[in-house]
Amino acid sequence: MAIRQMLRRSLSNERRSIEVPKGHLAVYVGESEKKRFVIPLSYLNNPSFQELLCQVEEEFGFHHPMGGLTIPCSEDLFIEITSHLSRT
């Protein structure tokens, strides 16, 4: 399934927040306790991030109890991936 469709479904119930700047997306990251991160939409084009989203789809489907996109990985892994993306 296309990444845009996944996000569109995931975000269909999420309220727009003034805290998320245009061109960015709020995600909730963590294995037990979730922490909110705001990331650039450009990350969605990266194969590493797309693989992470595919894993999210397999585990959670399109139901995200936090109201936004939930990524069930460790914060350390998420920070490592996004740090790499910010340098490219």
N, C-alpha and C. Protein backbone atom coordinates (compact mmCIF):
# COMPACT_ATOMS: atom_id res chain seq x y z
N MET A 1 0.86 -1.18 0.00
CA MET A 1 0.00 0.00 0.00
C MET A 1 0.90 1.24 0.00
N ALA A 2 0.51 2.24 -0.71
CA ALA A 2 1.30 3.46 -0.81
C ALA A 2 1.38 4.17 0.54
N ILE A 3 2.54 4.74 0.80
CA ILE A 3 2.78 5.44 2.07
C ILE A 3 1.75 6.55 2.28
N ARG A 4 1.44 7.29 1.24
CA ARG A 4 0.47 8.39 1.38
C ARG A 4 -0.89 7.88 1.82
N GLN A 5 -1.32 6.74 1.27
CA GLN A 5 -2.60 6.17 1.67
C GLN A 5 -2.56 5.74 3.13
N MET A 6 -1.44 5.14 3.53
CA MET A 6 -1.30 4.72 4.93
C MET A 6 -1.45 5.91 5.86
N LEU A 7 -0.76 6.98 5.53
CA LEU A 7 -0.82 8.16 6.38
C LEU A 7 -2.18 8.83 6.35
N ARG A 8 -2.78 8.88 5.17
CA ARG A 8 -4.10 9.50 5.05
C ARG A 8 -5.08 8.78 5.96
N ARG A 9 -5.06 7.45 5.96
CA ARG A 9 -5.96 6.68 6.82
C ARG A 9 -5.61 6.89 8.28
N SER A 10 -4.32 6.87 8.57
CA SER A 10 -3.88 7.02 9.95
C SER A 10 -4.26 8.38 10.51
N LEU A 11 -4.14 9.39 9.69
CA LEU A 11 -4.36 10.76 10.17
C LEU A 11 -5.80 11.22 10.03
N SER A 12 -6.67 10.39 9.45
CA SER A 12 -8.03 10.84 9.20
C SER A 12 -8.76 11.20 10.49
N ASN A 13 -8.40 10.59 11.61
CA ASN A 13 -9.05 10.88 12.88
C ASN A 13 -8.27 11.87 13.73
N GLU A 14 -7.08 12.22 13.28
CA GLU A 14 -6.24 13.12 14.10
C GLU A 14 -6.65 14.56 13.86
N ARG A 15 -6.77 15.28 14.95
CA ARG A 15 -7.07 16.71 14.83
C ARG A 15 -5.82 17.45 14.41
N ARG A 16 -6.01 18.47 13.60
CA ARG A 16 -4.88 19.29 13.21
C ARG A 16 -4.46 20.13 14.41
N SER A 17 -3.19 20.25 14.61
CA SER A 17 -2.69 20.97 15.77
C SER A 17 -1.85 22.15 15.31
N ILE A 18 -1.97 23.27 16.00
CA ILE A 18 -1.15 24.43 15.65
C ILE A 18 0.30 24.19 16.04
N GLU A 19 0.54 23.14 16.84
CA GLU A 19 1.90 22.83 17.27
C GLU A 19 2.71 22.13 16.19
N VAL A 20 2.07 21.65 15.14
CA VAL A 20 2.77 20.96 14.06
C VAL A 20 2.88 21.91 12.88
N PRO A 21 4.09 22.36 12.57
CA PRO A 21 4.25 23.30 11.47
C PRO A 21 3.92 22.66 10.12
N LYS A 22 3.55 23.49 9.18
CA LYS A 22 3.27 23.02 7.83
C LYS A 22 4.49 22.27 7.30
N GLY A 23 4.24 21.14 6.63
CA GLY A 23 5.33 20.35 6.09
C GLY A 23 5.92 19.37 7.10
N HIS A 24 5.25 19.20 8.24
CA HIS A 24 5.72 18.29 9.28
C HIS A 24 4.58 17.37 9.71
N LEU A 25 4.93 16.36 10.49
CA LEU A 25 3.99 15.36 10.94
C LEU A 25 4.31 14.99 12.38
N ALA A 26 3.29 14.87 13.21
CA ALA A 26 3.49 14.41 14.59
C ALA A 26 3.38 12.90 14.63
N VAL A 27 4.32 12.25 15.30
CA VAL A 27 4.29 10.80 15.49
C VAL A 27 4.53 10.51 16.97
N TYR A 28 4.03 9.37 17.41
CA TYR A 28 4.23 8.92 18.79
C TYR A 28 5.12 7.70 18.76
N VAL A 29 6.22 7.76 19.51
CA VAL A 29 7.25 6.74 19.44
C VAL A 29 7.47 6.13 20.82
N GLY A 30 7.63 4.83 20.85
CA GLY A 30 7.96 4.15 22.09
C GLY A 30 7.35 2.77 22.16
N GLU A 31 7.95 1.94 22.98
CA GLU A 31 7.45 0.57 23.12
C GLU A 31 6.37 0.47 24.18
N SER A 32 6.50 1.18 25.27
CA SER A 32 5.45 1.17 26.29
C SER A 32 4.91 2.58 26.47
N GLU A 33 5.74 3.49 26.91
CA GLU A 33 5.32 4.88 27.04
C GLU A 33 5.67 5.61 25.75
N LYS A 34 4.72 6.33 25.20
CA LYS A 34 4.91 6.98 23.90
C LYS A 34 5.34 8.43 24.08
N LYS A 35 6.30 8.85 23.26
CA LYS A 35 6.77 10.23 23.26
C LYS A 35 6.45 10.83 21.89
N ARG A 36 6.00 12.06 21.88
CA ARG A 36 5.60 12.73 20.64
C ARG A 36 6.81 13.40 19.99
N PHE A 37 6.98 13.15 18.68
CA PHE A 37 8.01 13.79 17.88
C PHE A 37 7.35 14.46 16.68
N VAL A 38 7.90 15.57 16.25
CA VAL A 38 7.43 16.25 15.04
C VAL A 38 8.56 16.13 14.01
N ILE A 39 8.22 15.51 12.88
CA ILE A 39 9.23 15.23 11.86
C ILE A 39 8.85 15.86 10.53
N PRO A 40 9.82 16.17 9.68
CA PRO A 40 9.51 16.70 8.34
C PRO A 40 8.84 15.63 7.47
N LEU A 41 7.89 16.03 6.66
CA LEU A 41 7.24 15.11 5.74
C LEU A 41 8.22 14.48 4.76
N SER A 42 9.33 15.14 4.49
CA SER A 42 10.31 14.63 3.55
C SER A 42 10.87 13.28 3.99
N TYR A 43 10.82 12.97 5.28
CA TYR A 43 11.30 11.67 5.78
C TYR A 43 10.50 10.52 5.17
N LEU A 44 9.26 10.79 4.78
CA LEU A 44 8.40 9.73 4.26
C LEU A 44 8.90 9.16 2.93
N ASN A 45 9.76 9.88 2.26
CA ASN A 45 10.31 9.41 0.98
C ASN A 45 11.52 8.51 1.16
N ASN A 46 12.04 8.41 2.37
CA ASN A 46 13.25 7.64 2.62
C ASN A 46 12.92 6.16 2.81
N PRO A 47 13.65 5.26 2.13
CA PRO A 47 13.37 3.82 2.25
C PRO A 47 13.46 3.29 3.69
N SER A 48 14.39 3.79 4.50
CA SER A 48 14.50 3.33 5.89
C SER A 48 13.25 3.69 6.68
N PHE A 49 12.76 4.90 6.48
CA PHE A 49 11.57 5.33 7.20
C PHE A 49 10.34 4.59 6.68
N GLN A 50 10.29 4.34 5.37
CA GLN A 50 9.17 3.59 4.80
C GLN A 50 9.12 2.17 5.36
N GLU A 51 10.28 1.56 5.55
CA GLU A 51 10.33 0.22 6.14
C GLU A 51 9.79 0.24 7.56
N LEU A 52 10.15 1.26 8.30
CA LEU A 52 9.64 1.41 9.66
C LEU A 52 8.11 1.55 9.64
N LEU A 53 7.58 2.32 8.70
CA LEU A 53 6.13 2.48 8.59
C LEU A 53 5.44 1.17 8.21
N CYS A 54 6.08 0.37 7.38
CA CYS A 54 5.51 -0.94 7.02
C CYS A 54 5.41 -1.83 8.25
N GLN A 55 6.43 -1.77 9.12
CA GLN A 55 6.39 -2.55 10.35
C GLN A 55 5.26 -2.06 11.26
N VAL A 56 5.05 -0.74 11.28
CA VAL A 56 3.96 -0.16 12.07
C VAL A 56 2.62 -0.68 11.55
N GLU A 57 2.47 -0.70 10.23
CA GLU A 57 1.21 -1.17 9.63
C GLU A 57 0.96 -2.63 10.02
N GLU A 58 2.01 -3.45 9.98
CA GLU A 58 1.85 -4.87 10.32
C GLU A 58 1.42 -5.06 11.78
N GLU A 59 1.99 -4.25 12.67
CA GLU A 59 1.68 -4.42 14.09
C GLU A 59 0.38 -3.76 14.50
N PHE A 60 0.15 -2.53 14.04
CA PHE A 60 -1.00 -1.75 14.50
C PHE A 60 -2.12 -1.65 13.48
N GLY A 61 -1.84 -1.93 12.22
CA GLY A 61 -2.84 -1.66 11.19
C GLY A 61 -3.03 -0.16 11.10
N PHE A 62 -4.27 0.25 10.93
CA PHE A 62 -4.53 1.68 10.82
C PHE A 62 -5.23 2.24 12.05
N HIS A 63 -5.28 1.47 13.10
CA HIS A 63 -5.86 1.95 14.36
C HIS A 63 -4.71 2.40 15.26
N HIS A 64 -4.69 3.68 15.55
CA HIS A 64 -3.62 4.23 16.39
C HIS A 64 -4.26 4.86 17.62
N PRO A 65 -4.17 4.19 18.76
CA PRO A 65 -4.86 4.64 19.96
C PRO A 65 -4.44 6.01 20.47
N MET A 66 -3.27 6.48 20.08
CA MET A 66 -2.81 7.79 20.54
C MET A 66 -3.47 8.93 19.74
N GLY A 67 -4.20 8.60 18.68
CA GLY A 67 -4.83 9.62 17.87
C GLY A 67 -3.96 10.08 16.72
N GLY A 68 -2.74 9.68 16.69
CA GLY A 68 -1.81 10.00 15.61
C GLY A 68 -1.05 8.76 15.23
N LEU A 69 -0.12 8.90 14.36
CA LEU A 69 0.69 7.77 13.92
C LEU A 69 1.57 7.28 15.06
N THR A 70 1.46 6.00 15.41
CA THR A 70 2.22 5.41 16.49
C THR A 70 3.30 4.51 15.91
N ILE A 71 4.53 4.70 16.34
CA ILE A 71 5.66 3.90 15.87
C ILE A 71 6.20 3.13 17.08
N PRO A 72 5.99 1.80 17.12
CA PRO A 72 6.33 1.02 18.30
C PRO A 72 7.78 0.54 18.31
N CYS A 73 8.70 1.46 18.25
CA CYS A 73 10.12 1.09 18.35
C CYS A 73 10.72 1.89 19.50
N SER A 74 11.93 1.56 19.87
CA SER A 74 12.57 2.30 20.96
C SER A 74 12.85 3.73 20.49
N GLU A 75 12.84 4.64 21.44
CA GLU A 75 13.16 6.03 21.11
C GLU A 75 14.56 6.13 20.54
N ASP A 76 15.48 5.35 21.07
CA ASP A 76 16.87 5.38 20.59
C ASP A 76 16.95 5.01 19.11
N LEU A 77 16.24 3.96 18.71
CA LEU A 77 16.25 3.56 17.29
C LEU A 77 15.64 4.65 16.43
N PHE A 78 14.52 5.23 16.88
CA PHE A 78 13.87 6.28 16.11
C PHE A 78 14.79 7.50 15.97
N ILE A 79 15.44 7.87 17.03
CA ILE A 79 16.36 9.02 16.98
C ILE A 79 17.54 8.71 16.06
N GLU A 80 18.02 7.48 16.11
CA GLU A 80 19.13 7.09 15.22
C GLU A 80 18.70 7.20 13.74
N ILE A 81 17.52 6.70 13.42
CA ILE A 81 17.03 6.76 12.04
C ILE A 81 16.81 8.21 11.61
N THR A 82 16.14 8.99 12.44
CA THR A 82 15.86 10.38 12.05
C THR A 82 17.12 11.24 12.03
N SER A 83 18.08 10.93 12.87
CA SER A 83 19.36 11.66 12.83
C SER A 83 20.06 11.40 11.51
N HIS A 84 20.04 10.16 11.07
CA HIS A 84 20.63 9.81 9.78
C HIS A 84 19.90 10.54 8.65
N LEU A 85 18.58 10.59 8.73
CA LEU A 85 17.79 11.25 7.69
C LEU A 85 18.04 12.74 7.64
N SER A 86 18.26 13.36 8.80
CA SER A 86 18.49 14.80 8.82
C SER A 86 19.83 15.19 8.21
N ARG A 87 20.76 14.23 8.14
CA ARG A 87 22.06 14.50 7.54
C ARG A 87 22.07 14.28 6.03
N THR A 88 21.05 13.62 5.51
CA THR A 88 21.02 13.33 4.07
C THR A 88 20.25 14.36 3.31
